[in-house]
Protein backbone atom coordinates (compact mmCIF):
# COMPACT_ATOMS: atom_id res chain seq x y z
CA MET A 1 112.08 69.81 90.29
CA SER A 2 112.56 67.79 93.43
CA PRO A 3 109.89 67.96 96.23
CA GLY A 4 110.10 71.05 98.44
CA GLU A 5 111.91 73.03 95.95
CA THR A 6 110.23 76.13 94.83
CA ARG A 7 110.60 78.37 91.54
CA PRO A 8 110.56 82.26 91.71
CA GLY A 9 106.90 83.09 92.01
CA ASP A 10 105.63 79.93 93.80
CA LEU A 11 103.75 80.81 96.91
CA GLY A 12 106.33 78.79 98.96
CA ASP A 13 109.02 81.21 97.61
CA ARG A 14 109.80 83.71 100.13
CA SER A 15 111.33 86.13 97.76
CA ALA A 16 108.56 86.63 95.57
CA ARG A 17 106.88 88.90 97.70
CA LEU A 18 103.36 90.37 96.36
CA PRO A 19 101.67 93.61 97.21
CA VAL A 20 98.43 93.14 98.81
CA PHE A 21 95.46 95.27 98.20
CA VAL A 22 93.61 96.48 101.17
CA TYR A 23 90.61 98.96 101.32
CA GLY A 24 88.29 100.05 104.17
CA THR A 25 89.81 100.37 107.94
CA LEU A 26 93.25 98.91 106.86
CA ARG A 27 93.97 101.73 104.48
CA PRO A 28 96.55 104.38 105.79
CA GLY A 29 94.59 106.59 108.32
CA GLY A 30 91.90 103.73 108.68
CA ARG A 31 91.48 102.68 112.50
CA HIS A 32 92.94 99.00 112.06
CA HIS A 33 95.90 99.97 109.69
CA ALA A 34 97.47 101.33 112.89
CA ARG A 35 97.25 98.49 114.97
CA LEU A 36 97.76 95.91 112.21
CA LEU A 37 99.93 97.33 109.48
CA ARG A 38 101.84 100.37 110.68
CA GLY A 39 105.53 99.99 110.79
CA ARG A 40 105.34 96.53 109.07
CA THR A 41 105.31 97.58 105.00
CA ASP A 42 107.95 98.83 102.98
CA HIS A 43 105.53 100.71 100.90
CA GLU A 44 102.44 101.84 100.53
CA GLU A 45 100.48 103.41 97.48
CA PRO A 46 96.72 104.72 96.33
CA ALA A 47 95.34 102.02 94.06
CA ARG A 48 91.90 101.36 92.56
CA LEU A 49 90.06 97.78 91.76
CA PRO A 50 88.13 97.95 88.42
CA GLY A 51 85.19 95.88 87.96
CA ALA A 52 84.32 95.46 91.58
CA ALA A 53 82.25 97.09 94.39
CA LEU A 54 81.81 97.21 97.87
CA TYR A 55 78.88 95.12 99.24
CA GLU A 56 78.11 95.80 102.82
CA GLY A 57 77.28 92.31 103.67
CA PRO A 58 76.58 90.73 107.42
CA GLY A 59 79.84 91.53 109.58
CA PHE A 60 82.18 93.57 107.34
CA PRO A 61 82.05 94.92 103.72
CA TYR A 62 83.74 93.01 101.22
CA ALA A 63 84.75 93.33 97.41
CA VAL A 64 82.27 91.69 94.70
CA GLU A 65 82.41 91.66 90.98
CA GLU A 66 80.56 94.84 89.44
CA PRO A 67 80.89 95.48 85.92
CA GLY A 68 81.49 99.01 85.82
CA GLY A 69 82.50 99.39 89.68
CA GLU A 70 85.55 100.62 91.13
CA VAL A 71 86.72 99.95 94.93
CA HIS A 72 89.49 102.33 96.02
CA GLY A 73 92.30 101.40 98.19
CA HIS A 74 96.06 100.71 98.45
CA LEU A 75 98.51 98.33 97.73
CA ILE A 76 101.12 97.64 100.20
CA ALA A 77 104.28 95.63 100.43
CA PRO A 78 104.54 93.99 103.68
CA ARG A 79 108.00 94.51 105.01
CA ALA A 80 110.21 91.30 104.37
CA ALA A 81 110.75 90.77 108.25
CA ASP A 82 107.15 90.32 108.58
CA TYR A 83 106.06 88.40 105.25
CA GLY A 84 105.27 85.06 105.63
């Protein structure tokens, strides 16, 4: 492989678009979804993240490892034109 060359699945390969797990205010219907994501996704579907829990830390909640826990959110696929 030469410098600058990418393989499918490499982070630098734009054709390997991966879905993103969002929770909280980024979920459809959440207050930040409309401002940041509406119209910028190809697909959104309910999802869950087993083995995790939301921790209400300083500033904003975030997911932490929690055996037996589960975080509910959505998998979103960014629109190709906006992926990057």
